[in-house]
N, C-alpha and C. Protein backbone atom coordinates (compact mmCIF):
# COMPACT_ATOMS: atom_id res chain seq x y z
N UNK A 1 6.22 82.94 54.45
CA UNK A 1 7.01 83.41 53.32
C UNK A 1 6.19 84.41 52.53
N UNK A 2 6.84 85.45 52.07
CA UNK A 2 6.18 86.50 51.30
C UNK A 2 5.96 86.05 49.86
N UNK A 3 4.71 85.97 49.44
CA UNK A 3 4.39 85.53 48.08
C UNK A 3 4.63 86.61 47.03
N UNK A 4 4.98 87.82 47.45
CA UNK A 4 5.24 88.91 46.52
C UNK A 4 6.66 88.89 45.98
N UNK A 5 7.49 88.06 46.52
CA UNK A 5 8.88 87.97 46.06
C UNK A 5 8.95 86.99 44.90
N UNK A 6 9.43 87.48 43.76
CA UNK A 6 9.53 86.60 42.60
C UNK A 6 10.83 85.81 42.65
N UNK A 7 10.75 84.60 42.12
CA UNK A 7 11.93 83.75 42.06
C UNK A 7 12.78 84.14 40.86
N UNK A 8 14.09 84.05 41.02
CA UNK A 8 15.01 84.31 39.93
C UNK A 8 15.23 82.99 39.20
N UNK A 9 15.01 83.01 37.90
CA UNK A 9 15.24 81.80 37.11
C UNK A 9 16.73 81.53 37.04
N UNK A 10 17.10 80.30 37.18
CA UNK A 10 18.51 79.90 37.14
C UNK A 10 18.81 79.27 35.78
N UNK A 11 18.75 80.10 34.74
CA UNK A 11 18.98 79.61 33.39
C UNK A 11 20.42 79.15 33.23
N UNK A 12 20.58 78.00 32.64
CA UNK A 12 21.90 77.44 32.37
C UNK A 12 22.28 77.80 30.94
N UNK A 13 23.51 78.28 30.77
CA UNK A 13 23.97 78.66 29.45
C UNK A 13 24.25 77.43 28.60
N UNK A 14 23.63 77.37 27.44
CA UNK A 14 23.88 76.31 26.48
C UNK A 14 25.14 76.69 25.69
N UNK A 15 26.24 76.04 25.99
CA UNK A 15 27.52 76.37 25.37
C UNK A 15 27.70 75.73 24.00
N UNK A 16 26.66 75.09 23.50
CA UNK A 16 26.67 74.54 22.15
C UNK A 16 25.73 75.31 21.23
N UNK A 17 25.08 76.32 21.76
CA UNK A 17 24.09 77.07 20.97
C UNK A 17 24.77 78.02 19.99
N UNK A 18 24.02 78.41 18.98
CA UNK A 18 24.51 79.39 18.01
C UNK A 18 24.85 80.71 18.73
N UNK A 19 24.01 81.10 19.69
CA UNK A 19 24.23 82.35 20.42
C UNK A 19 25.58 82.34 21.14
N UNK A 20 25.88 81.25 21.84
CA UNK A 20 27.14 81.14 22.59
C UNK A 20 28.34 81.14 21.64
N UNK A 21 28.24 80.38 20.57
CA UNK A 21 29.35 80.28 19.61
C UNK A 21 29.63 81.65 18.99
N UNK A 22 28.57 82.36 18.61
CA UNK A 22 28.75 83.69 18.02
C UNK A 22 29.30 84.67 19.04
N UNK A 23 28.86 84.57 20.30
CA UNK A 23 29.38 85.45 21.33
C UNK A 23 30.88 85.23 21.52
N UNK A 24 31.30 83.98 21.55
CA UNK A 24 32.73 83.66 21.70
C UNK A 24 33.52 84.18 20.50
N UNK A 25 32.97 84.07 19.31
CA UNK A 25 33.61 84.62 18.11
C UNK A 25 33.76 86.13 18.23
N UNK A 26 32.72 86.77 18.74
CA UNK A 26 32.73 88.23 18.90
C UNK A 26 33.80 88.65 19.89
N UNK A 27 33.91 87.94 20.99
CA UNK A 27 34.94 88.25 21.99
C UNK A 27 36.33 88.16 21.34
N UNK A 28 36.56 87.10 20.57
CA UNK A 28 37.85 86.93 19.90
C UNK A 28 38.10 88.06 18.91
N UNK A 29 37.07 88.47 18.17
CA UNK A 29 37.20 89.57 17.21
C UNK A 29 37.57 90.87 17.91
N UNK A 30 36.87 91.19 18.98
CA UNK A 30 37.12 92.43 19.72
C UNK A 30 38.55 92.42 20.29
N UNK A 31 38.97 91.28 20.82
CA UNK A 31 40.32 91.16 21.37
C UNK A 31 41.37 91.34 20.27
N UNK A 32 41.16 90.68 19.14
CA UNK A 32 42.13 90.74 18.04
C UNK A 32 42.25 92.15 17.46
N UNK A 33 41.13 92.83 17.32
CA UNK A 33 41.12 94.17 16.74
C UNK A 33 41.48 95.26 17.75
N UNK A 34 41.51 94.90 19.04
CA UNK A 34 41.84 95.89 20.07
C UNK A 34 40.78 96.97 20.22
N UNK A 35 39.54 96.60 19.98
CA UNK A 35 38.42 97.56 20.07
C UNK A 35 38.26 98.06 21.51
N UNK A 36 37.65 99.24 21.64
CA UNK A 36 37.47 99.84 22.96
C UNK A 36 36.05 99.69 23.51
N UNK A 37 35.14 99.17 22.66
CA UNK A 37 33.76 98.95 23.10
C UNK A 37 33.36 97.51 22.83
N UNK A 38 32.60 96.97 23.77
CA UNK A 38 32.08 95.61 23.67
C UNK A 38 30.56 95.69 23.71
N UNK A 39 29.92 95.43 22.57
CA UNK A 39 28.47 95.54 22.45
C UNK A 39 27.92 94.28 21.78
N UNK A 40 27.78 93.20 22.55
CA UNK A 40 27.36 91.94 21.96
C UNK A 40 25.96 91.96 21.34
N UNK A 41 25.08 92.80 21.84
CA UNK A 41 23.73 92.85 21.27
C UNK A 41 23.75 93.29 19.81
N UNK A 42 24.62 94.26 19.50
CA UNK A 42 24.76 94.73 18.11
C UNK A 42 25.22 93.60 17.21
N UNK A 43 26.14 92.80 17.67
CA UNK A 43 26.72 91.73 16.86
C UNK A 43 25.77 90.53 16.75
N UNK A 44 25.16 90.15 17.87
CA UNK A 44 24.32 88.95 17.90
C UNK A 44 22.90 89.19 17.40
N UNK A 45 22.41 90.40 17.58
CA UNK A 45 21.00 90.67 17.31
C UNK A 45 20.17 90.32 18.54
N UNK A 46 18.96 90.83 18.60
CA UNK A 46 18.12 90.67 19.79
C UNK A 46 17.82 89.22 20.14
N UNK A 47 17.48 88.42 19.14
CA UNK A 47 17.07 87.04 19.40
C UNK A 47 18.20 86.21 20.03
N UNK A 48 19.38 86.26 19.46
CA UNK A 48 20.50 85.49 20.02
C UNK A 48 20.99 86.10 21.33
N UNK A 49 21.00 87.43 21.40
CA UNK A 49 21.45 88.10 22.63
C UNK A 49 20.58 87.69 23.82
N UNK A 50 19.30 87.48 23.58
CA UNK A 50 18.37 87.07 24.64
C UNK A 50 18.69 85.68 25.18
N UNK A 51 19.47 84.88 24.45
CA UNK A 51 19.82 83.53 24.86
C UNK A 51 21.11 83.47 25.68
N UNK A 52 21.72 84.62 25.92
CA UNK A 52 22.98 84.67 26.67
C UNK A 52 22.68 84.95 28.14
N UNK A 53 23.11 84.03 28.99
CA UNK A 53 22.91 84.16 30.44
C UNK A 53 24.24 84.30 31.18
N UNK A 54 25.33 83.98 30.50
CA UNK A 54 26.66 83.98 31.09
C UNK A 54 27.65 84.55 30.08
N UNK A 55 28.60 85.34 30.53
CA UNK A 55 29.66 85.77 29.64
C UNK A 55 30.77 84.73 29.67
N UNK A 56 31.46 84.53 28.55
CA UNK A 56 32.53 83.53 28.51
C UNK A 56 33.77 83.99 29.27
N UNK A 57 34.55 83.03 29.73
CA UNK A 57 35.79 83.33 30.45
C UNK A 57 36.76 84.11 29.57
N UNK A 58 36.65 83.93 28.26
CA UNK A 58 37.54 84.62 27.32
C UNK A 58 37.38 86.13 27.36
N UNK A 59 36.38 86.63 28.06
CA UNK A 59 36.16 88.06 28.20
C UNK A 59 37.39 88.75 28.82
N UNK A 60 38.18 87.97 29.55
CA UNK A 60 39.40 88.50 30.16
C UNK A 60 40.43 88.96 29.14
N UNK A 61 40.26 88.56 27.87
CA UNK A 61 41.18 88.97 26.81
C UNK A 61 40.96 90.41 26.36
N UNK A 62 39.85 90.99 26.74
CA UNK A 62 39.49 92.31 26.24
C UNK A 62 40.17 93.41 27.05
N UNK A 63 41.47 93.49 26.92
CA UNK A 63 42.28 94.42 27.71
C UNK A 63 42.09 95.88 27.33
N UNK A 64 41.70 96.17 26.09
CA UNK A 64 41.57 97.56 25.64
C UNK A 64 40.15 98.09 25.74
N UNK A 65 39.20 97.24 26.08
CA UNK A 65 37.80 97.66 26.17
C UNK A 65 37.61 98.65 27.32
N UNK A 66 36.95 99.75 27.00
CA UNK A 66 36.65 100.79 27.99
C UNK A 66 35.15 100.86 28.30
N UNK A 67 34.31 100.43 27.34
CA UNK A 67 32.86 100.45 27.53
C UNK A 67 32.29 99.08 27.22
N UNK A 68 31.41 98.62 28.10
CA UNK A 68 30.72 97.35 27.91
C UNK A 68 29.22 97.65 27.88
N UNK A 69 28.57 97.30 26.79
CA UNK A 69 27.15 97.56 26.62
C UNK A 69 26.37 96.26 26.83
N UNK A 70 25.71 96.14 27.98
CA UNK A 70 24.95 94.94 28.30
C UNK A 70 23.49 95.25 28.65
N UNK A 71 23.07 96.48 28.41
CA UNK A 71 21.71 96.89 28.73
C UNK A 71 20.69 95.97 28.06
N UNK A 72 19.70 95.56 28.81
CA UNK A 72 18.63 94.72 28.29
C UNK A 72 19.01 93.25 28.19
N UNK A 73 20.14 92.89 28.77
CA UNK A 73 20.57 91.49 28.68
C UNK A 73 19.83 90.62 29.69
N UNK A 74 19.97 89.31 29.52
CA UNK A 74 19.45 88.33 30.46
C UNK A 74 20.57 87.71 31.29
N UNK A 75 21.67 88.44 31.42
CA UNK A 75 22.83 87.91 32.15
C UNK A 75 22.49 87.59 33.59
N UNK A 76 22.95 86.43 34.01
CA UNK A 76 22.81 85.99 35.39
C UNK A 76 24.18 85.83 36.04
N UNK A 77 25.20 85.58 35.20
CA UNK A 77 26.54 85.32 35.70
C UNK A 77 27.57 86.07 34.88
N UNK A 78 28.50 86.68 35.57
CA UNK A 78 29.64 87.33 34.93
C UNK A 78 30.89 86.68 35.52
N UNK A 79 31.75 86.13 34.68
CA UNK A 79 32.93 85.43 35.19
C UNK A 79 33.91 86.37 35.88
N UNK A 80 34.73 85.85 36.78
CA UNK A 80 35.70 86.69 37.47
C UNK A 80 36.71 87.33 36.53
N UNK A 81 36.88 86.79 35.33
CA UNK A 81 37.82 87.34 34.36
C UNK A 81 37.48 88.77 33.98
N UNK A 82 36.24 89.18 34.18
CA UNK A 82 35.87 90.54 33.82
C UNK A 82 36.64 91.54 34.69
N UNK A 83 37.01 91.14 35.89
CA UNK A 83 37.82 91.99 36.74
C UNK A 83 39.23 92.14 36.21
N UNK A 84 39.71 91.17 35.47
CA UNK A 84 41.05 91.21 34.88
C UNK A 84 41.12 92.24 33.75
N UNK A 85 39.99 92.66 33.23
CA UNK A 85 39.98 93.62 32.14
C UNK A 85 40.55 94.96 32.59
N UNK A 86 40.49 95.26 33.87
CA UNK A 86 40.99 96.54 34.38
C UNK A 86 42.49 96.49 34.63
N UNK A 87 43.07 95.33 34.62
CA UNK A 87 44.50 95.20 34.90
C UNK A 87 45.34 95.83 33.83
């Protein structure tokens, strides 16, 4: 086995954390306002944004979003609902 290959951490999303709760609130806000950009880092701040490993299923509600800003995230999982955003 090649020792130069780094292992990917399998971080589990804490769905009771402040970061998760605020992210879900942000998704609801963006959906309600019909915003065209989704930038969770701006809303959460760096510290909470760093605790997000998974996007919530509610992301499928963001029908009007045209740009998603996830640069610098620790995302490991994106739910299939993100594909529904293009519908």
